[in-house]
Amino acid sequence: MKKILFLEDRPGRQEQYLTSEGVKNLQSIEGVKRLLGKECREMIEQLNNNDDSPLNEFTLLLIHRSALSPVGIDTVINHCKNNNKNLVFFSGGISQSLFSSENFPYLMLNSKDFYQRNMSTFLRNYVDEKSKHITELIYGTNWDINLMLTYRQLLLKGEMGRAEENFKESLEELIGKPPLGELNKKIESKILLL
C-alpha cells in the first residue's frame, strides 16, 4: 500500500469545496495522512527550515503551496526530484493546471480544481496501487486523452526546444511513440467513448 501526505493549513477550504459527505469520504481513506492544526504547522516549519525528513515515508505529496516559504518549496521539490516521488501543489493563487514529468511527476493546481469530486476516488486508487498516472487526479479515467492531445500538438509543431523535447520523451514513456495517424485514431476512439 502506498502512502500519501496531505498537508493543508486551511482545513476550512475542504468544507468550502467538498460536500460534508465528500469531507467524510476523504477522512476515511486509509493510507492518507492528513495533517491539520498544530501538526500541520510543525511540518510546514520543518520544510521551511530545509528539513525533508518528514516526507520520507510517503510516495505522493499533496501540499498547499502558499503555506511554504521559497525554501520550503525548494525543499519539497528537491526531495521529490531526488526520490522520484509524485507531487501535487495546490493553491488558490494558481491560475492554470500544470503537469510536468521531466524530473518527477508533478502537478500544480488551483484549489478549486484540486478539491473536486474525483479526488477521493483518485486517492483510494493511488493508495491501493490501482492508479496509472498522477493526472487521474484532474482528468479521472480520461487522463491519457490529455497526454495524447499534448503529444500530438508537439508532433505537429515539428521543431522543438530542449525542454519540449524532454517533455515529449516523458510523454512517450507513458503513451508510447505512435505515429500521427495511429495517434489520431486512438484519440478519436477515446473521445467517442465519452
N, C-alpha and C. Protein backbone atom coordinates (compact mmCIF):
# COMPACT_ATOMS: atom_id res chain seq x y z
N MET A 1 0.84 -1.18 0.00
CA MET A 1 0.00 0.00 0.00
C MET A 1 0.89 1.25 0.00
N LYS A 2 0.57 2.20 -0.89
CA LYS A 2 1.29 3.46 -0.95
C LYS A 2 0.73 4.42 0.10
N LYS A 3 1.58 5.39 0.49
CA LYS A 3 1.16 6.37 1.50
C LYS A 3 1.18 7.77 0.93
N ILE A 4 0.19 8.54 1.34
CA ILE A 4 0.01 9.91 0.84
C ILE A 4 0.08 10.88 2.02
N LEU A 5 0.80 11.97 1.83
CA LEU A 5 0.80 13.07 2.79
C LEU A 5 -0.10 14.17 2.24
N PHE A 6 -1.05 14.61 3.03
CA PHE A 6 -1.97 15.67 2.66
C PHE A 6 -1.74 16.82 3.64
N LEU A 7 -1.09 17.87 3.18
CA LEU A 7 -0.70 18.99 4.02
C LEU A 7 -1.53 20.22 3.63
N GLU A 8 -2.56 20.50 4.43
CA GLU A 8 -3.48 21.61 4.17
C GLU A 8 -3.58 22.45 5.42
N ASP A 9 -3.05 23.66 5.36
CA ASP A 9 -3.09 24.54 6.53
C ASP A 9 -4.41 25.29 6.66
N ARG A 10 -5.29 25.14 5.68
CA ARG A 10 -6.62 25.77 5.73
C ARG A 10 -7.69 24.70 5.61
N PRO A 11 -7.93 23.93 6.68
CA PRO A 11 -8.90 22.84 6.59
C PRO A 11 -10.31 23.29 6.26
N GLY A 12 -10.65 24.54 6.53
CA GLY A 12 -11.97 25.05 6.18
C GLY A 12 -12.22 25.04 4.68
N ARG A 13 -11.13 25.04 3.91
CA ARG A 13 -11.27 25.02 2.46
C ARG A 13 -11.89 23.71 1.98
N GLN A 14 -11.63 22.62 2.71
CA GLN A 14 -12.24 21.34 2.35
C GLN A 14 -13.76 21.44 2.42
N GLU A 15 -14.27 22.07 3.48
CA GLU A 15 -15.71 22.26 3.60
C GLU A 15 -16.25 23.22 2.54
N GLN A 16 -15.40 24.15 2.11
CA GLN A 16 -15.80 25.11 1.09
C GLN A 16 -16.01 24.43 -0.27
N TYR A 17 -15.13 23.51 -0.63
CA TYR A 17 -15.18 22.90 -1.95
C TYR A 17 -15.85 21.52 -1.99
N LEU A 18 -15.87 20.82 -0.86
CA LEU A 18 -16.45 19.48 -0.83
C LEU A 18 -17.75 19.48 -0.02
N THR A 19 -18.62 18.56 -0.33
CA THR A 19 -19.82 18.37 0.50
C THR A 19 -19.39 17.75 1.82
N SER A 20 -20.27 17.74 2.80
CA SER A 20 -19.93 17.10 4.08
C SER A 20 -19.64 15.62 3.86
N GLU A 21 -20.38 15.01 2.92
CA GLU A 21 -20.13 13.60 2.57
C GLU A 21 -18.73 13.45 1.96
N GLY A 22 -18.35 14.41 1.12
CA GLY A 22 -17.02 14.38 0.49
C GLY A 22 -15.91 14.50 1.51
N VAL A 23 -16.09 15.35 2.52
CA VAL A 23 -15.09 15.51 3.58
C VAL A 23 -14.97 14.21 4.37
N LYS A 24 -16.12 13.60 4.74
CA LYS A 24 -16.10 12.33 5.47
C LYS A 24 -15.41 11.24 4.64
N ASN A 25 -15.70 11.22 3.37
CA ASN A 25 -15.09 10.24 2.46
C ASN A 25 -13.57 10.42 2.44
N LEU A 26 -13.12 11.66 2.35
CA LEU A 26 -11.69 11.96 2.36
C LEU A 26 -11.05 11.51 3.67
N GLN A 27 -11.71 11.77 4.78
CA GLN A 27 -11.18 11.40 6.09
C GLN A 27 -11.10 9.89 6.29
N SER A 28 -11.89 9.14 5.56
CA SER A 28 -11.95 7.70 5.76
C SER A 28 -10.91 6.91 4.95
N ILE A 29 -10.15 7.56 4.11
CA ILE A 29 -9.21 6.85 3.24
C ILE A 29 -7.96 6.46 4.04
N GLU A 30 -7.77 5.15 4.19
CA GLU A 30 -6.57 4.65 4.86
C GLU A 30 -5.38 4.87 3.95
N GLY A 31 -4.25 5.22 4.53
CA GLY A 31 -3.05 5.46 3.74
C GLY A 31 -2.84 6.93 3.43
N VAL A 32 -3.81 7.77 3.79
CA VAL A 32 -3.68 9.22 3.61
C VAL A 32 -3.49 9.85 4.98
N LYS A 33 -2.34 10.48 5.18
CA LYS A 33 -2.07 11.17 6.44
C LYS A 33 -2.40 12.64 6.24
N ARG A 34 -3.50 13.07 6.86
CA ARG A 34 -3.95 14.45 6.79
C ARG A 34 -3.47 15.18 8.03
N LEU A 35 -2.66 16.19 7.82
CA LEU A 35 -2.17 16.98 8.94
C LEU A 35 -2.95 18.28 9.02
N LEU A 36 -3.47 18.57 10.20
CA LEU A 36 -4.24 19.78 10.44
C LEU A 36 -3.70 20.47 11.68
N GLY A 37 -4.00 21.73 11.83
CA GLY A 37 -3.66 22.46 13.04
C GLY A 37 -2.19 22.45 13.38
N LYS A 38 -1.89 22.11 14.63
CA LYS A 38 -0.52 22.17 15.15
C LYS A 38 0.42 21.24 14.38
N GLU A 39 -0.02 20.01 14.10
CA GLU A 39 0.82 19.07 13.35
C GLU A 39 1.18 19.62 11.97
N CYS A 40 0.22 20.23 11.32
CA CYS A 40 0.44 20.81 10.00
C CYS A 40 1.45 21.96 10.10
N ARG A 41 1.27 22.85 11.05
CA ARG A 41 2.19 23.99 11.22
C ARG A 41 3.60 23.52 11.54
N GLU A 42 3.72 22.46 12.35
CA GLU A 42 5.05 21.94 12.69
C GLU A 42 5.76 21.38 11.47
N MET A 43 5.03 20.63 10.63
CA MET A 43 5.68 20.09 9.44
C MET A 43 6.04 21.20 8.46
N ILE A 44 5.17 22.17 8.30
CA ILE A 44 5.47 23.31 7.43
C ILE A 44 6.75 24.00 7.91
N GLU A 45 6.87 24.17 9.21
CA GLU A 45 8.07 24.80 9.77
C GLU A 45 9.32 23.98 9.45
N GLN A 46 9.23 22.65 9.58
CA GLN A 46 10.37 21.79 9.25
C GLN A 46 10.76 21.95 7.78
N LEU A 47 9.77 21.92 6.90
CA LEU A 47 10.06 22.06 5.48
C LEU A 47 10.64 23.43 5.17
N ASN A 48 10.11 24.47 5.81
CA ASN A 48 10.62 25.83 5.60
C ASN A 48 12.03 25.99 6.15
N ASN A 49 12.44 25.08 7.04
CA ASN A 49 13.81 25.08 7.58
C ASN A 49 14.70 24.07 6.87
N ASN A 50 14.29 23.66 5.66
CA ASN A 50 15.07 22.77 4.79
C ASN A 50 15.23 21.36 5.36
N ASP A 51 14.26 20.90 6.14
CA ASP A 51 14.27 19.55 6.70
C ASP A 51 13.20 18.72 5.97
N ASP A 52 13.66 17.82 5.10
CA ASP A 52 12.70 17.00 4.34
C ASP A 52 12.47 15.63 4.95
N SER A 53 13.03 15.35 6.10
CA SER A 53 12.91 14.00 6.69
C SER A 53 11.46 13.56 6.93
N PRO A 54 10.51 14.47 7.24
CA PRO A 54 9.14 14.01 7.44
C PRO A 54 8.49 13.46 6.17
N LEU A 55 9.08 13.71 5.01
CA LEU A 55 8.50 13.28 3.74
C LEU A 55 8.90 11.87 3.34
N ASN A 56 9.86 11.29 4.02
CA ASN A 56 10.46 10.02 3.59
C ASN A 56 9.48 8.87 3.42
N GLU A 57 8.48 8.77 4.27
CA GLU A 57 7.59 7.60 4.24
C GLU A 57 6.49 7.67 3.18
N PHE A 58 6.39 8.79 2.47
CA PHE A 58 5.28 8.99 1.54
C PHE A 58 5.73 8.88 0.08
N THR A 59 4.80 8.41 -0.77
CA THR A 59 5.09 8.33 -2.20
C THR A 59 4.37 9.41 -3.00
N LEU A 60 3.36 10.02 -2.40
CA LEU A 60 2.64 11.13 -3.02
C LEU A 60 2.48 12.23 -1.99
N LEU A 61 2.83 13.45 -2.39
CA LEU A 61 2.71 14.60 -1.51
C LEU A 61 1.68 15.57 -2.09
N LEU A 62 0.68 15.90 -1.29
CA LEU A 62 -0.36 16.88 -1.65
C LEU A 62 -0.18 18.04 -0.70
N ILE A 63 0.28 19.18 -1.20
CA ILE A 63 0.68 20.27 -0.31
C ILE A 63 0.13 21.60 -0.78
N HIS A 64 -0.45 22.36 0.17
CA HIS A 64 -0.87 23.72 -0.12
C HIS A 64 0.40 24.56 -0.28
N ARG A 65 0.66 24.96 -1.51
CA ARG A 65 1.92 25.61 -1.87
C ARG A 65 2.12 26.93 -1.13
N SER A 66 1.07 27.70 -0.95
CA SER A 66 1.19 29.02 -0.32
C SER A 66 1.58 28.94 1.15
N ALA A 67 1.44 27.77 1.76
CA ALA A 67 1.82 27.61 3.16
C ALA A 67 3.34 27.57 3.34
N LEU A 68 4.05 27.29 2.25
CA LEU A 68 5.50 27.15 2.32
C LEU A 68 6.23 28.42 1.91
N SER A 69 7.39 28.62 2.50
CA SER A 69 8.28 29.69 2.08
C SER A 69 9.01 29.23 0.81
N PRO A 70 9.74 30.11 0.13
CA PRO A 70 10.53 29.65 -1.02
C PRO A 70 11.50 28.52 -0.65
N VAL A 71 12.07 28.56 0.54
CA VAL A 71 12.95 27.48 0.99
C VAL A 71 12.16 26.19 1.13
N GLY A 72 10.96 26.27 1.70
CA GLY A 72 10.12 25.09 1.86
C GLY A 72 9.72 24.49 0.52
N ILE A 73 9.38 25.34 -0.44
CA ILE A 73 9.03 24.86 -1.77
C ILE A 73 10.21 24.13 -2.39
N ASP A 74 11.39 24.74 -2.30
CA ASP A 74 12.61 24.09 -2.84
C ASP A 74 12.91 22.78 -2.13
N THR A 75 12.69 22.73 -0.82
CA THR A 75 12.92 21.51 -0.05
C THR A 75 12.04 20.38 -0.56
N VAL A 76 10.77 20.67 -0.77
CA VAL A 76 9.82 19.65 -1.25
C VAL A 76 10.19 19.22 -2.67
N ILE A 77 10.43 20.19 -3.55
CA ILE A 77 10.76 19.86 -4.94
C ILE A 77 12.04 19.03 -5.02
N ASN A 78 13.07 19.42 -4.28
CA ASN A 78 14.32 18.65 -4.30
C ASN A 78 14.13 17.25 -3.75
N HIS A 79 13.32 17.11 -2.71
CA HIS A 79 13.04 15.79 -2.15
C HIS A 79 12.38 14.90 -3.20
N CYS A 80 11.38 15.45 -3.87
CA CYS A 80 10.67 14.67 -4.90
C CYS A 80 11.59 14.33 -6.07
N LYS A 81 12.40 15.28 -6.47
CA LYS A 81 13.34 15.07 -7.57
C LYS A 81 14.35 13.98 -7.21
N ASN A 82 14.91 14.05 -6.01
CA ASN A 82 15.93 13.08 -5.58
C ASN A 82 15.37 11.69 -5.31
N ASN A 83 14.07 11.61 -5.01
CA ASN A 83 13.45 10.33 -4.66
C ASN A 83 12.37 9.89 -5.65
N ASN A 84 12.25 10.61 -6.76
CA ASN A 84 11.26 10.33 -7.80
C ASN A 84 9.86 10.10 -7.22
N LYS A 85 9.42 11.07 -6.42
CA LYS A 85 8.10 11.00 -5.80
C LYS A 85 7.11 11.88 -6.54
N ASN A 86 5.85 11.55 -6.45
CA ASN A 86 4.77 12.33 -7.04
C ASN A 86 4.47 13.53 -6.15
N LEU A 87 4.27 14.69 -6.77
CA LEU A 87 3.99 15.91 -6.03
C LEU A 87 2.81 16.64 -6.65
N VAL A 88 1.89 17.07 -5.79
CA VAL A 88 0.80 17.95 -6.20
C VAL A 88 0.85 19.17 -5.28
N PHE A 89 1.13 20.33 -5.88
CA PHE A 89 1.00 21.60 -5.19
C PHE A 89 -0.35 22.17 -5.58
N PHE A 90 -1.12 22.66 -4.62
CA PHE A 90 -2.38 23.33 -4.92
C PHE A 90 -2.41 24.66 -4.18
N SER A 91 -3.10 25.63 -4.78
CA SER A 91 -3.22 26.94 -4.17
C SER A 91 -4.29 27.73 -4.91
N GLY A 92 -4.97 28.59 -4.21
CA GLY A 92 -5.94 29.47 -4.84
C GLY A 92 -5.29 30.45 -5.80
N GLY A 93 -3.99 30.68 -5.64
CA GLY A 93 -3.27 31.63 -6.49
C GLY A 93 -2.75 31.03 -7.79
N ILE A 94 -2.95 29.74 -8.00
CA ILE A 94 -2.51 29.11 -9.24
C ILE A 94 -3.64 29.24 -10.25
N SER A 95 -3.36 29.85 -11.40
CA SER A 95 -4.44 30.16 -12.34
C SER A 95 -4.70 29.08 -13.37
N GLN A 96 -3.73 28.20 -13.62
CA GLN A 96 -3.96 27.11 -14.58
C GLN A 96 -3.25 25.86 -14.12
N SER A 97 -3.78 24.72 -14.54
CA SER A 97 -3.18 23.45 -14.18
C SER A 97 -1.90 23.24 -14.99
N LEU A 98 -0.91 22.68 -14.33
CA LEU A 98 0.37 22.41 -14.98
C LEU A 98 0.81 21.00 -14.60
N PHE A 99 1.21 20.23 -15.61
CA PHE A 99 1.77 18.90 -15.36
C PHE A 99 3.17 18.86 -15.94
N SER A 100 4.08 18.27 -15.19
CA SER A 100 5.44 18.07 -15.68
C SER A 100 5.90 16.70 -15.20
N SER A 101 6.66 16.04 -16.04
CA SER A 101 7.26 14.77 -15.62
C SER A 101 8.72 14.72 -15.99
N GLU A 102 9.31 15.89 -16.23
CA GLU A 102 10.71 15.93 -16.66
C GLU A 102 11.64 15.32 -15.61
N ASN A 103 11.51 15.72 -14.35
CA ASN A 103 12.37 15.19 -13.29
C ASN A 103 11.64 14.24 -12.34
N PHE A 104 10.34 14.44 -12.21
CA PHE A 104 9.48 13.61 -11.38
C PHE A 104 8.05 14.00 -11.70
N PRO A 105 7.05 13.16 -11.41
CA PRO A 105 5.65 13.51 -11.71
C PRO A 105 5.17 14.64 -10.80
N TYR A 106 4.73 15.73 -11.44
CA TYR A 106 4.46 16.97 -10.72
C TYR A 106 3.23 17.66 -11.30
N LEU A 107 2.28 18.00 -10.43
CA LEU A 107 1.09 18.76 -10.82
C LEU A 107 1.01 20.03 -9.98
N MET A 108 0.60 21.12 -10.61
CA MET A 108 0.25 22.34 -9.89
C MET A 108 -1.18 22.67 -10.27
N LEU A 109 -2.04 22.82 -9.25
CA LEU A 109 -3.47 23.01 -9.49
C LEU A 109 -4.02 24.14 -8.65
N ASN A 110 -5.06 24.78 -9.17
CA ASN A 110 -5.84 25.70 -8.38
C ASN A 110 -6.60 24.88 -7.34
N SER A 111 -6.82 25.43 -6.17
CA SER A 111 -7.52 24.70 -5.10
C SER A 111 -8.88 24.20 -5.55
N LYS A 112 -9.58 24.99 -6.34
CA LYS A 112 -10.91 24.59 -6.81
C LYS A 112 -10.82 23.34 -7.69
N ASP A 113 -9.78 23.25 -8.52
CA ASP A 113 -9.58 22.07 -9.36
C ASP A 113 -9.11 20.87 -8.54
N PHE A 114 -8.35 21.15 -7.50
CA PHE A 114 -7.84 20.08 -6.63
C PHE A 114 -8.97 19.42 -5.85
N TYR A 115 -9.82 20.24 -5.24
CA TYR A 115 -10.93 19.73 -4.44
C TYR A 115 -12.14 19.48 -5.33
N GLN A 116 -12.10 18.44 -6.08
CA GLN A 116 -13.23 18.09 -6.94
C GLN A 116 -13.71 16.69 -6.60
N ARG A 117 -14.81 16.30 -7.20
CA ARG A 117 -15.45 15.03 -6.83
C ARG A 117 -14.56 13.82 -7.13
N ASN A 118 -13.62 13.93 -8.03
CA ASN A 118 -12.76 12.82 -8.40
C ASN A 118 -11.63 12.58 -7.40
N MET A 119 -11.39 13.54 -6.50
CA MET A 119 -10.24 13.47 -5.62
C MET A 119 -10.23 12.20 -4.76
N SER A 120 -11.31 11.89 -4.08
CA SER A 120 -11.34 10.71 -3.20
C SER A 120 -11.12 9.42 -3.97
N THR A 121 -11.72 9.32 -5.15
CA THR A 121 -11.53 8.12 -5.98
C THR A 121 -10.07 7.97 -6.35
N PHE A 122 -9.45 9.07 -6.79
CA PHE A 122 -8.04 9.03 -7.14
C PHE A 122 -7.19 8.61 -5.95
N LEU A 123 -7.42 9.21 -4.78
CA LEU A 123 -6.62 8.90 -3.60
C LEU A 123 -6.77 7.43 -3.20
N ARG A 124 -7.98 6.91 -3.23
CA ARG A 124 -8.19 5.48 -2.92
C ARG A 124 -7.43 4.60 -3.91
N ASN A 125 -7.57 4.91 -5.20
CA ASN A 125 -6.88 4.13 -6.22
C ASN A 125 -5.37 4.22 -6.08
N TYR A 126 -4.88 5.39 -5.75
CA TYR A 126 -3.44 5.56 -5.58
C TYR A 126 -2.92 4.71 -4.42
N VAL A 127 -3.58 4.81 -3.28
CA VAL A 127 -3.18 4.04 -2.10
C VAL A 127 -3.21 2.54 -2.39
N ASP A 128 -4.23 2.11 -3.13
CA ASP A 128 -4.38 0.68 -3.46
C ASP A 128 -3.57 0.26 -4.68
N GLU A 129 -2.74 1.18 -5.19
CA GLU A 129 -1.87 0.92 -6.34
C GLU A 129 -2.66 0.56 -7.60
N LYS A 130 -3.83 1.18 -7.76
CA LYS A 130 -4.65 0.98 -8.95
C LYS A 130 -4.59 2.18 -9.89
N SER A 131 -3.98 3.25 -9.43
CA SER A 131 -3.87 4.45 -10.25
C SER A 131 -2.74 4.28 -11.26
N LYS A 132 -3.00 4.73 -12.49
CA LYS A 132 -2.00 4.60 -13.55
C LYS A 132 -1.13 5.83 -13.68
N HIS A 133 -1.69 7.01 -13.35
CA HIS A 133 -0.95 8.24 -13.56
C HIS A 133 -1.49 9.36 -12.69
N ILE A 134 -0.62 10.23 -12.27
CA ILE A 134 -0.99 11.32 -11.36
C ILE A 134 -2.04 12.26 -11.95
N THR A 135 -2.09 12.39 -13.28
CA THR A 135 -3.10 13.28 -13.88
C THR A 135 -4.51 12.73 -13.77
N GLU A 136 -4.67 11.52 -13.27
CA GLU A 136 -6.01 11.00 -12.97
C GLU A 136 -6.70 11.88 -11.93
N LEU A 137 -5.92 12.56 -11.13
CA LEU A 137 -6.49 13.46 -10.12
C LEU A 137 -7.38 14.52 -10.76
N ILE A 138 -6.98 15.05 -11.92
CA ILE A 138 -7.80 16.09 -12.55
C ILE A 138 -8.62 15.59 -13.73
N TYR A 139 -8.17 14.54 -14.41
CA TYR A 139 -8.87 14.07 -15.61
C TYR A 139 -9.60 12.74 -15.41
N GLY A 140 -9.49 12.14 -14.24
CA GLY A 140 -10.17 10.87 -13.99
C GLY A 140 -9.65 9.78 -14.91
N THR A 141 -10.53 8.91 -15.34
CA THR A 141 -10.13 7.78 -16.18
C THR A 141 -9.72 8.22 -17.59
N ASN A 142 -9.97 9.49 -17.92
CA ASN A 142 -9.61 10.01 -19.25
C ASN A 142 -8.26 10.73 -19.24
N TRP A 143 -7.43 10.44 -18.25
CA TRP A 143 -6.15 11.12 -18.11
C TRP A 143 -5.28 11.00 -19.36
N ASP A 144 -5.36 9.87 -20.04
CA ASP A 144 -4.47 9.65 -21.18
C ASP A 144 -4.86 10.47 -22.40
N ILE A 145 -6.13 10.88 -22.51
CA ILE A 145 -6.55 11.72 -23.64
C ILE A 145 -5.78 13.04 -23.61
N ASN A 146 -5.69 13.65 -22.45
CA ASN A 146 -4.95 14.90 -22.33
C ASN A 146 -3.50 14.72 -22.76
N LEU A 147 -2.87 13.64 -22.32
CA LEU A 147 -1.47 13.42 -22.68
C LEU A 147 -1.32 13.15 -24.18
N MET A 148 -2.26 12.42 -24.76
CA MET A 148 -2.19 12.16 -26.21
C MET A 148 -2.38 13.45 -27.00
N LEU A 149 -3.30 14.30 -26.58
CA LEU A 149 -3.51 15.57 -27.27
C LEU A 149 -2.28 16.47 -27.17
N THR A 150 -1.66 16.50 -26.02
CA THR A 150 -0.43 17.27 -25.84
C THR A 150 0.68 16.72 -26.72
N TYR A 151 0.80 15.39 -26.76
CA TYR A 151 1.82 14.74 -27.59
C TYR A 151 1.58 15.06 -29.07
N ARG A 152 0.33 15.00 -29.49
CA ARG A 152 0.00 15.31 -30.88
C ARG A 152 0.39 16.76 -31.21
N GLN A 153 0.12 17.66 -30.29
CA GLN A 153 0.48 19.06 -30.50
C GLN A 153 1.99 19.20 -30.69
N LEU A 154 2.77 18.48 -29.91
CA LEU A 154 4.23 18.53 -30.06
C LEU A 154 4.68 17.94 -31.39
N LEU A 155 4.04 16.84 -31.82
CA LEU A 155 4.38 16.24 -33.12
C LEU A 155 4.10 17.21 -34.26
N LEU A 156 2.96 17.90 -34.18
CA LEU A 156 2.58 18.82 -35.25
C LEU A 156 3.45 20.07 -35.28
N LYS A 157 3.98 20.42 -34.14
CA LYS A 157 4.83 21.61 -34.05
C LYS A 157 6.11 21.43 -34.86
N GLY A 158 6.63 20.22 -34.86
CA GLY A 158 7.88 19.98 -35.60
C GLY A 158 9.09 20.30 -34.75
N GLU A 159 9.77 21.38 -35.08
CA GLU A 159 11.00 21.74 -34.38
C GLU A 159 10.69 22.13 -32.93
N MET A 160 11.46 21.53 -32.01
CA MET A 160 11.22 21.78 -30.59
C MET A 160 12.50 22.21 -29.90
N GLY A 161 12.32 22.97 -28.85
CA GLY A 161 13.45 23.31 -28.00
C GLY A 161 13.78 22.13 -27.10
N ARG A 162 14.85 22.24 -26.34
CA ARG A 162 15.30 21.14 -25.47
C ARG A 162 14.25 20.77 -24.42
N ALA A 163 13.62 21.75 -23.80
CA ALA A 163 12.62 21.46 -22.77
C ALA A 163 11.43 20.72 -23.37
N GLU A 164 11.00 21.16 -24.56
CA GLU A 164 9.87 20.49 -25.21
C GLU A 164 10.24 19.07 -25.63
N GLU A 165 11.46 18.90 -26.09
CA GLU A 165 11.92 17.56 -26.47
C GLU A 165 11.93 16.63 -25.26
N ASN A 166 12.39 17.14 -24.12
CA ASN A 166 12.39 16.35 -22.88
C ASN A 166 10.96 15.98 -22.47
N PHE A 167 10.05 16.94 -22.58
CA PHE A 167 8.66 16.69 -22.23
C PHE A 167 8.05 15.65 -23.16
N LYS A 168 8.36 15.75 -24.46
CA LYS A 168 7.88 14.78 -25.45
C LYS A 168 8.37 13.38 -25.09
N GLU A 169 9.63 13.27 -24.72
CA GLU A 169 10.19 11.97 -24.33
C GLU A 169 9.50 11.42 -23.09
N SER A 170 9.17 12.28 -22.13
CA SER A 170 8.48 11.80 -20.93
C SER A 170 7.06 11.34 -21.27
N LEU A 171 6.42 12.00 -22.23
CA LEU A 171 5.10 11.56 -22.68
C LEU A 171 5.19 10.21 -23.38
N GLU A 172 6.25 10.02 -24.16
CA GLU A 172 6.44 8.75 -24.87
C GLU A 172 6.61 7.58 -23.91
N GLU A 173 7.18 7.84 -22.74
CA GLU A 173 7.30 6.79 -21.73
C GLU A 173 5.93 6.34 -21.24
N LEU A 174 4.96 7.25 -21.29
CA LEU A 174 3.62 6.96 -20.79
C LEU A 174 2.68 6.42 -21.86
N ILE A 175 2.76 6.95 -23.07
CA ILE A 175 1.80 6.57 -24.10
C ILE A 175 2.43 5.88 -25.30
N GLY A 176 3.74 5.69 -25.27
CA GLY A 176 4.42 5.07 -26.40
C GLY A 176 4.78 6.12 -27.45
N LYS A 177 5.16 5.65 -28.64
CA LYS A 177 5.55 6.55 -29.73
C LYS A 177 4.69 6.28 -30.97
N PRO A 178 3.38 6.44 -30.85
CA PRO A 178 2.54 6.14 -32.01
C PRO A 178 2.75 7.18 -33.12
N PRO A 179 2.74 6.72 -34.40
CA PRO A 179 2.77 7.70 -35.50
C PRO A 179 1.50 8.54 -35.46
N LEU A 180 1.54 9.70 -36.09
CA LEU A 180 0.44 10.66 -36.03
C LEU A 180 -0.91 10.06 -36.41
N GLY A 181 -0.97 9.28 -37.48
CA GLY A 181 -2.23 8.68 -37.92
C GLY A 181 -2.81 7.75 -36.86
N GLU A 182 -1.96 6.91 -36.30
CA GLU A 182 -2.40 5.98 -35.25
C GLU A 182 -2.83 6.75 -34.00
N LEU A 183 -2.09 7.79 -33.67
CA LEU A 183 -2.42 8.62 -32.51
C LEU A 183 -3.79 9.27 -32.69
N ASN A 184 -4.05 9.81 -33.88
CA ASN A 184 -5.36 10.43 -34.15
C ASN A 184 -6.49 9.43 -33.99
N LYS A 185 -6.28 8.19 -34.44
CA LYS A 185 -7.31 7.15 -34.29
C LYS A 185 -7.55 6.83 -32.81
N LYS A 186 -6.47 6.75 -32.03
CA LYS A 186 -6.61 6.46 -30.59
C LYS A 186 -7.39 7.59 -29.90
N ILE A 187 -7.04 8.82 -30.23
CA ILE A 187 -7.71 9.97 -29.63
C ILE A 187 -9.19 9.96 -29.99
N GLU A 188 -9.47 9.75 -31.26
CA GLU A 188 -10.85 9.74 -31.72
C GLU A 188 -11.66 8.64 -31.04
N SER A 189 -11.10 7.45 -30.93
CA SER A 189 -11.83 6.35 -30.29
C SER A 189 -12.08 6.64 -28.80
N LYS A 190 -11.12 7.26 -28.13
CA LYS A 190 -11.30 7.60 -26.72
C LYS A 190 -12.40 8.66 -26.56
N ILE A 191 -12.39 9.66 -27.44
CA ILE A 191 -13.37 10.73 -27.36
C ILE A 191 -14.78 10.21 -27.64
N LEU A 192 -14.88 9.29 -28.57
CA LEU A 192 -16.20 8.71 -28.89
C LEU A 192 -16.78 7.95 -27.71
N LEU A 193 -15.94 7.45 -26.82
CA LEU A 193 -16.41 6.71 -25.66
C LEU A 193 -16.90 7.62 -24.53
N LEU A 194 -16.62 8.92 -24.64
CA LEU A 194 -17.01 9.84 -23.56
C LEU A 194 -18.52 10.02 -23.49
